[in-house]
N, C-alpha and C. Protein backbone atom coordinates (compact mmCIF):
# COMPACT_ATOMS: atom_id res chain seq x y z
N MET A 1 115.18 91.81 62.22
CA MET A 1 114.46 93.05 62.02
C MET A 1 113.31 93.13 63.02
N VAL A 2 113.18 94.26 63.63
CA VAL A 2 112.13 94.47 64.63
C VAL A 2 110.87 94.94 63.92
N THR A 3 109.81 94.16 64.06
CA THR A 3 108.54 94.55 63.46
C THR A 3 107.77 95.44 64.43
N LYS A 4 106.79 96.11 63.89
CA LYS A 4 105.98 97.01 64.69
C LYS A 4 105.27 96.25 65.82
N SER A 5 104.75 95.07 65.52
CA SER A 5 104.04 94.30 66.54
C SER A 5 105.01 93.80 67.62
N ARG A 6 106.21 93.45 67.23
CA ARG A 6 107.21 92.99 68.20
C ARG A 6 107.63 94.16 69.12
N LEU A 7 107.75 95.35 68.54
CA LEU A 7 108.09 96.53 69.32
C LEU A 7 106.98 96.83 70.33
N TRP A 8 105.72 96.77 69.87
CA TRP A 8 104.60 97.03 70.78
C TRP A 8 104.53 95.96 71.87
N ALA A 9 104.81 94.72 71.52
CA ALA A 9 104.80 93.65 72.52
C ALA A 9 105.87 93.91 73.57
N THR A 10 107.05 94.38 73.15
CA THR A 10 108.13 94.69 74.09
C THR A 10 107.74 95.86 74.99
N VAL A 11 107.18 96.89 74.40
CA VAL A 11 106.74 98.05 75.19
C VAL A 11 105.67 97.63 76.19
N LEU A 12 104.72 96.82 75.75
CA LEU A 12 103.67 96.34 76.65
C LEU A 12 104.26 95.50 77.79
N LEU A 13 105.20 94.64 77.48
CA LEU A 13 105.82 93.80 78.49
C LEU A 13 106.55 94.66 79.53
N ILE A 14 107.34 95.61 79.07
CA ILE A 14 108.09 96.47 80.00
C ILE A 14 107.13 97.33 80.81
N SER A 15 106.10 97.85 80.16
CA SER A 15 105.12 98.67 80.88
C SER A 15 104.39 97.85 81.94
N THR A 16 104.03 96.63 81.60
CA THR A 16 103.36 95.75 82.56
C THR A 16 104.28 95.45 83.73
N PHE A 17 105.53 95.17 83.44
CA PHE A 17 106.51 94.94 84.51
C PHE A 17 106.63 96.17 85.40
N GLY A 18 106.73 97.33 84.80
CA GLY A 18 106.85 98.57 85.56
C GLY A 18 105.62 98.83 86.41
N ALA A 19 104.45 98.64 85.83
CA ALA A 19 103.22 98.85 86.60
C ALA A 19 103.14 97.86 87.76
N GLY A 20 103.53 96.61 87.51
CA GLY A 20 103.55 95.62 88.57
C GLY A 20 104.52 95.98 89.68
N ALA A 21 105.67 96.51 89.29
CA ALA A 21 106.67 96.92 90.29
C ALA A 21 106.14 98.06 91.15
N VAL A 22 105.49 99.03 90.50
CA VAL A 22 104.95 100.17 91.24
C VAL A 22 103.82 99.73 92.17
N VAL A 23 102.90 98.94 91.66
CA VAL A 23 101.78 98.46 92.48
C VAL A 23 102.30 97.58 93.61
N GLY A 24 103.22 96.68 93.29
CA GLY A 24 103.80 95.81 94.32
C GLY A 24 104.54 96.61 95.37
N GLY A 25 105.30 97.60 94.94
CA GLY A 25 106.02 98.45 95.89
C GLY A 25 105.06 99.23 96.78
N GLY A 26 104.00 99.74 96.19
CA GLY A 26 103.01 100.48 96.97
C GLY A 26 102.30 99.58 97.97
N ALA A 27 101.91 98.40 97.52
CA ALA A 27 101.24 97.46 98.42
C ALA A 27 102.18 97.04 99.55
N THR A 28 103.43 96.81 99.22
CA THR A 28 104.41 96.44 100.25
C THR A 28 104.57 97.57 101.26
N LYS A 29 104.65 98.80 100.76
CA LYS A 29 104.79 99.94 101.68
C LYS A 29 103.59 100.06 102.60
N VAL A 30 102.39 99.92 102.06
CA VAL A 30 101.20 100.01 102.89
C VAL A 30 101.21 98.90 103.93
N TRP A 31 101.53 97.69 103.52
CA TRP A 31 101.57 96.56 104.46
C TRP A 31 102.61 96.80 105.54
N ARG A 32 103.80 97.25 105.15
CA ARG A 32 104.85 97.48 106.14
C ARG A 32 104.50 98.63 107.09
N ASP A 33 103.79 99.64 106.58
CA ASP A 33 103.36 100.73 107.45
C ASP A 33 102.40 100.22 108.52
N ARG A 34 101.59 99.25 108.15
CA ARG A 34 100.62 98.70 109.09
C ARG A 34 101.20 97.58 109.96
N HIS A 35 102.27 96.95 109.48
CA HIS A 35 102.91 95.84 110.19
C HIS A 35 104.42 96.08 110.25
N PRO A 36 104.87 97.05 111.03
CA PRO A 36 106.31 97.35 111.04
C PRO A 36 107.11 96.18 111.59
N PRO A 37 108.24 95.85 110.96
CA PRO A 37 109.08 94.76 111.45
C PRO A 37 109.79 95.18 112.72
N GLU A 38 110.25 94.17 113.47
CA GLU A 38 111.02 94.48 114.67
C GLU A 38 112.30 95.21 114.28
N ARG A 39 112.90 94.78 113.18
CA ARG A 39 114.08 95.45 112.64
C ARG A 39 113.86 95.61 111.15
N SER A 40 114.49 96.64 110.59
CA SER A 40 114.31 96.84 109.15
C SER A 40 115.01 95.74 108.38
N GLN A 41 114.57 95.54 107.16
CA GLN A 41 115.18 94.52 106.30
C GLN A 41 116.66 94.80 106.10
N ALA A 42 117.03 96.08 106.05
CA ALA A 42 118.44 96.44 105.84
C ALA A 42 119.30 96.06 107.03
N ASP A 43 118.70 95.98 108.22
CA ASP A 43 119.46 95.64 109.41
C ASP A 43 119.56 94.13 109.63
N ARG A 44 118.89 93.37 108.79
CA ARG A 44 118.91 91.92 108.95
C ARG A 44 120.05 91.33 108.14
N GLY A 45 120.79 90.44 108.73
CA GLY A 45 121.88 89.77 108.05
C GLY A 45 121.41 88.51 107.35
N PRO A 46 122.32 87.85 106.63
CA PRO A 46 121.96 86.63 105.92
C PRO A 46 121.40 85.55 106.86
N ARG A 47 121.94 85.46 108.06
CA ARG A 47 121.46 84.44 109.00
C ARG A 47 120.04 84.74 109.45
N ASP A 48 119.69 86.03 109.58
CA ASP A 48 118.32 86.38 109.94
C ASP A 48 117.36 85.96 108.83
N ARG A 49 117.74 86.22 107.58
CA ARG A 49 116.88 85.83 106.46
C ARG A 49 116.78 84.31 106.38
N GLU A 50 117.89 83.64 106.67
CA GLU A 50 117.89 82.17 106.69
C GLU A 50 116.90 81.67 107.75
N ARG A 51 116.97 82.25 108.95
CA ARG A 51 116.05 81.83 110.01
C ARG A 51 114.61 82.08 109.61
N GLY A 52 114.36 83.21 108.95
CA GLY A 52 113.00 83.50 108.50
C GLY A 52 112.50 82.48 107.50
N PHE A 53 113.35 82.07 106.57
CA PHE A 53 112.99 81.08 105.56
C PHE A 53 112.71 79.73 106.22
N VAL A 54 113.60 79.34 107.13
CA VAL A 54 113.43 78.06 107.81
C VAL A 54 112.17 78.10 108.67
N ALA A 55 111.91 79.22 109.33
CA ALA A 55 110.71 79.34 110.15
C ALA A 55 109.45 79.21 109.29
N THR A 56 109.48 79.82 108.10
CA THR A 56 108.33 79.73 107.20
C THR A 56 108.12 78.29 106.76
N LEU A 57 109.20 77.63 106.33
CA LEU A 57 109.08 76.22 105.92
C LEU A 57 108.59 75.36 107.08
N SER A 58 109.12 75.62 108.25
CA SER A 58 108.74 74.84 109.42
C SER A 58 107.25 75.00 109.71
N ARG A 59 106.77 76.23 109.63
CA ARG A 59 105.36 76.50 109.89
C ARG A 59 104.48 75.84 108.82
N GLU A 60 104.89 75.95 107.56
CA GLU A 60 104.08 75.42 106.47
C GLU A 60 104.15 73.90 106.36
N LEU A 61 105.31 73.31 106.71
CA LEU A 61 105.53 71.89 106.47
C LEU A 61 105.72 71.08 107.74
N ASN A 62 105.67 71.76 108.90
CA ASN A 62 105.85 71.09 110.18
C ASN A 62 107.17 70.31 110.22
N LEU A 63 108.28 71.01 109.98
CA LEU A 63 109.60 70.37 109.95
C LEU A 63 110.03 69.95 111.34
N SER A 64 110.74 68.83 111.39
CA SER A 64 111.34 68.41 112.65
C SER A 64 112.62 69.22 112.87
N GLU A 65 113.18 69.16 114.06
CA GLU A 65 114.42 69.88 114.35
C GLU A 65 115.55 69.41 113.43
N THR A 66 115.60 68.12 113.18
CA THR A 66 116.63 67.57 112.28
C THR A 66 116.46 68.13 110.87
N GLN A 67 115.23 68.21 110.40
CA GLN A 67 114.97 68.76 109.08
C GLN A 67 115.34 70.24 109.02
N LYS A 68 115.02 70.98 110.07
CA LYS A 68 115.39 72.40 110.12
C LYS A 68 116.91 72.55 110.00
N ASP A 69 117.65 71.75 110.77
CA ASP A 69 119.11 71.81 110.72
C ASP A 69 119.62 71.46 109.33
N SER A 70 119.01 70.47 108.69
CA SER A 70 119.41 70.08 107.34
C SER A 70 119.17 71.20 106.34
N VAL A 71 118.01 71.85 106.44
CA VAL A 71 117.69 72.95 105.53
C VAL A 71 118.67 74.10 105.74
N LYS A 72 118.98 74.43 107.00
CA LYS A 72 119.96 75.49 107.27
C LYS A 72 121.31 75.17 106.64
N THR A 73 121.74 73.92 106.77
CA THR A 73 123.01 73.50 106.19
C THR A 73 122.99 73.64 104.68
N MET A 74 121.88 73.26 104.06
CA MET A 74 121.76 73.38 102.60
C MET A 74 121.80 74.83 102.16
N LEU A 75 121.10 75.69 102.89
CA LEU A 75 121.08 77.11 102.53
C LEU A 75 122.49 77.69 102.62
N ARG A 76 123.23 77.35 103.65
CA ARG A 76 124.60 77.84 103.79
C ARG A 76 125.49 77.29 102.68
N LYS A 77 125.26 76.04 102.29
CA LYS A 77 126.06 75.42 101.23
C LYS A 77 125.87 76.15 99.89
N TYR A 78 124.63 76.49 99.59
CA TYR A 78 124.34 77.10 98.29
C TYR A 78 124.40 78.62 98.28
N ASP A 79 124.56 79.25 99.43
CA ASP A 79 124.58 80.70 99.51
C ASP A 79 125.61 81.33 98.58
N PRO A 80 126.87 80.86 98.55
CA PRO A 80 127.84 81.48 97.63
C PRO A 80 127.42 81.39 96.16
N ALA A 81 126.82 80.27 95.77
CA ALA A 81 126.38 80.13 94.38
C ALA A 81 125.24 81.09 94.07
N PHE A 82 124.29 81.23 95.00
CA PHE A 82 123.20 82.19 94.81
C PHE A 82 123.75 83.60 94.68
N ARG A 83 124.69 83.94 95.54
CA ARG A 83 125.27 85.29 95.48
C ARG A 83 125.99 85.53 94.16
N ALA A 84 126.71 84.52 93.68
CA ALA A 84 127.42 84.66 92.40
C ALA A 84 126.44 84.90 91.25
N VAL A 85 125.33 84.18 91.26
CA VAL A 85 124.32 84.37 90.21
C VAL A 85 123.74 85.77 90.31
N MET A 86 123.40 86.19 91.52
CA MET A 86 122.83 87.53 91.70
C MET A 86 123.82 88.61 91.29
N ASP A 87 125.08 88.44 91.68
CA ASP A 87 126.09 89.43 91.29
C ASP A 87 126.27 89.49 89.78
N GLY A 88 126.13 88.33 89.12
CA GLY A 88 126.27 88.29 87.67
C GLY A 88 125.10 88.90 86.93
N THR A 89 123.92 88.82 87.51
CA THR A 89 122.74 89.35 86.84
C THR A 89 122.39 90.76 87.28
N ARG A 90 122.99 91.21 88.36
CA ARG A 90 122.65 92.53 88.90
C ARG A 90 122.82 93.65 87.86
N PRO A 91 123.92 93.70 87.09
CA PRO A 91 124.04 94.79 86.10
C PRO A 91 122.91 94.78 85.07
N LYS A 92 122.51 93.60 84.61
CA LYS A 92 121.41 93.51 83.65
C LYS A 92 120.11 93.97 84.29
N PHE A 93 119.88 93.54 85.52
CA PHE A 93 118.68 93.94 86.24
C PHE A 93 118.65 95.45 86.43
N ASP A 94 119.78 96.02 86.86
CA ASP A 94 119.84 97.47 87.08
C ASP A 94 119.60 98.25 85.80
N SER A 95 120.11 97.74 84.68
CA SER A 95 119.90 98.40 83.40
C SER A 95 118.42 98.37 83.02
N LEU A 96 117.79 97.22 83.17
CA LEU A 96 116.37 97.10 82.87
C LEU A 96 115.55 97.97 83.81
N ARG A 97 115.93 97.99 85.08
CA ARG A 97 115.22 98.82 86.06
C ARG A 97 115.30 100.29 85.67
N GLY A 98 116.45 100.73 85.15
CA GLY A 98 116.60 102.11 84.70
C GLY A 98 115.65 102.44 83.57
N LEU A 99 115.50 101.50 82.64
CA LEU A 99 114.56 101.71 81.53
C LEU A 99 113.12 101.80 82.04
N VAL A 100 112.77 100.91 82.94
CA VAL A 100 111.42 100.91 83.50
C VAL A 100 111.16 102.21 84.25
N HIS A 101 112.13 102.63 85.06
CA HIS A 101 111.96 103.89 85.81
C HIS A 101 111.77 105.07 84.86
N ALA A 102 112.53 105.10 83.79
CA ALA A 102 112.39 106.19 82.81
C ALA A 102 111.00 106.17 82.18
N ASP A 103 110.50 104.98 81.83
CA ASP A 103 109.16 104.88 81.25
C ASP A 103 108.09 105.31 82.26
N ILE A 104 108.26 104.91 83.50
CA ILE A 104 107.29 105.29 84.53
C ILE A 104 107.27 106.80 84.69
N LYS A 105 108.45 107.41 84.74
CA LYS A 105 108.51 108.87 84.88
C LYS A 105 107.82 109.57 83.72
N GLY A 106 107.81 108.91 82.56
CA GLY A 106 107.18 109.49 81.38
C GLY A 106 105.68 109.68 81.51
N VAL A 107 105.04 108.95 82.42
CA VAL A 107 103.59 109.09 82.59
C VAL A 107 103.24 109.89 83.84
N LEU A 108 104.24 110.38 84.55
CA LEU A 108 104.01 111.13 85.78
C LEU A 108 104.15 112.63 85.54
N ASP A 109 103.43 113.41 86.35
CA ASP A 109 103.64 114.86 86.27
C ASP A 109 104.92 115.20 87.05
N ARG A 110 105.30 116.45 87.03
CA ARG A 110 106.58 116.87 87.63
C ARG A 110 106.67 116.53 89.12
N GLU A 111 105.60 116.81 89.85
CA GLU A 111 105.60 116.52 91.29
C GLU A 111 105.71 115.01 91.55
N GLN A 112 104.99 114.24 90.76
CA GLN A 112 105.06 112.78 90.91
C GLN A 112 106.45 112.26 90.53
N GLN A 113 107.05 112.85 89.50
CA GLN A 113 108.41 112.45 89.12
C GLN A 113 109.38 112.69 90.27
N ASP A 114 109.25 113.84 90.92
CA ASP A 114 110.12 114.14 92.07
C ASP A 114 109.91 113.13 93.19
N GLY A 115 108.65 112.80 93.47
CA GLY A 115 108.34 111.81 94.49
C GLY A 115 108.89 110.44 94.13
N PHE A 116 108.76 110.08 92.86
CA PHE A 116 109.27 108.79 92.40
C PHE A 116 110.79 108.75 92.52
N THR A 117 111.45 109.85 92.18
CA THR A 117 112.90 109.92 92.30
C THR A 117 113.33 109.76 93.76
N ARG A 118 112.61 110.42 94.67
CA ARG A 118 112.92 110.28 96.11
C ARG A 118 112.70 108.84 96.57
N TRP A 119 111.59 108.25 96.16
CA TRP A 119 111.29 106.87 96.54
C TRP A 119 112.37 105.91 96.02
N ALA A 120 112.74 106.06 94.75
CA ALA A 120 113.76 105.18 94.16
C ALA A 120 115.10 105.34 94.88
N ALA A 121 115.45 106.59 95.22
CA ALA A 121 116.70 106.83 95.95
C ALA A 121 116.66 106.17 97.33
N HIS A 122 115.51 106.27 97.99
CA HIS A 122 115.36 105.62 99.30
C HIS A 122 115.52 104.10 99.17
N MET A 123 114.87 103.53 98.18
CA MET A 123 114.96 102.08 97.99
C MET A 123 116.40 101.67 97.65
N ASP A 124 117.09 102.48 96.86
CA ASP A 124 118.49 102.20 96.55
C ASP A 124 119.35 102.24 97.81
N SER A 125 119.08 103.20 98.71
CA SER A 125 119.87 103.29 99.93
C SER A 125 119.59 102.11 100.85
N VAL A 126 118.35 101.66 100.92
CA VAL A 126 118.01 100.48 101.72
C VAL A 126 118.75 99.26 101.18
N THR A 127 118.74 99.11 99.87
CA THR A 127 119.43 97.98 99.25
C THR A 127 120.93 98.06 99.48
N ALA A 128 121.51 99.24 99.34
CA ALA A 128 122.95 99.40 99.56
C ALA A 128 123.32 99.09 101.01
N ARG A 129 122.48 99.52 101.94
CA ARG A 129 122.73 99.24 103.36
C ARG A 129 122.66 97.73 103.63
N ARG A 130 121.68 97.07 103.02
CA ARG A 130 121.54 95.63 103.20
C ARG A 130 122.77 94.90 102.64
N ARG A 131 123.20 95.31 101.46
CA ARG A 131 124.38 94.67 100.86
C ARG A 131 125.63 94.90 101.71
N ALA A 132 125.77 96.11 102.24
CA ALA A 132 126.92 96.40 103.10
C ALA A 132 126.86 95.57 104.38
N ASN A 133 125.67 95.45 104.95
CA ASN A 133 125.51 94.62 106.15
C ASN A 133 125.82 93.16 105.85
N ASP A 134 125.37 92.69 104.68
CA ASP A 134 125.66 91.30 104.30
C ASP A 134 127.16 91.09 104.14
N ALA A 135 127.84 92.04 103.50
CA ALA A 135 129.29 91.92 103.30
C ALA A 135 130.01 91.94 104.63
N ASP A 136 129.58 92.83 105.53
CA ASP A 136 130.19 92.92 106.86
C ASP A 136 129.96 91.63 107.63
N HIS A 137 128.75 91.10 107.55
CA HIS A 137 128.43 89.85 108.24
C HIS A 137 129.27 88.70 107.68
N ASP A 138 129.42 88.67 106.35
CA ASP A 138 130.23 87.61 105.73
C ASP A 138 131.68 87.68 106.19
N LYS A 139 132.24 88.89 106.30
CA LYS A 139 133.61 89.04 106.77
C LYS A 139 133.74 88.51 108.20
N LYS A 140 132.78 88.85 109.04
CA LYS A 140 132.81 88.37 110.44
C LYS A 140 132.70 86.86 110.50
N GLU A 141 131.82 86.30 109.67
CA GLU A 141 131.67 84.83 109.64
C GLU A 141 132.95 84.15 109.21
N LYS A 142 133.58 84.69 108.16
CA LYS A 142 134.82 84.09 107.65
C LYS A 142 135.93 84.18 108.67
N SER A 143 136.04 85.32 109.37
CA SER A 143 137.11 85.45 110.36
C SER A 143 136.84 84.58 111.58
N ARG A 144 135.58 84.36 111.89
CA ARG A 144 135.22 83.52 113.03
C ARG A 144 135.48 82.05 112.72
N VAL A 145 135.27 81.63 111.47
CA VAL A 145 135.45 80.24 111.07
C VAL A 145 136.93 79.86 111.07
N ARG A 146 137.80 80.81 110.74
CA ARG A 146 139.22 80.51 110.65
C ARG A 146 139.85 80.20 111.95
């Protein structure tokens, strides 16, 4: 049985998540506007993200070339498992995101709702483009390996 306090705790948790997502998204947009990437995130393939991760670790931990190669090998080894987990959780995430978006729209005026809808559609298209690029890159990698 759902008690009133449990319901309020759930609403507070979802609202906090939604507010964090909006603030984080806004901060990210401002940062990216001031620091545009050489290429958009959607145009980067899995190997580009891998290089970025290895570069960050290398900078933070002063990795040797051998260590960098080892980390790259590990990332490639676990990539299919990470993708499987993400693919399995994506429907749940998308469902929760829909609830959060609906709650956020509930506190916005009509003009803000329209802007939020445009922003969400843009973010969805960026994500879809990235996924398509990743799938295309994976096909090329598989055909090259054979």
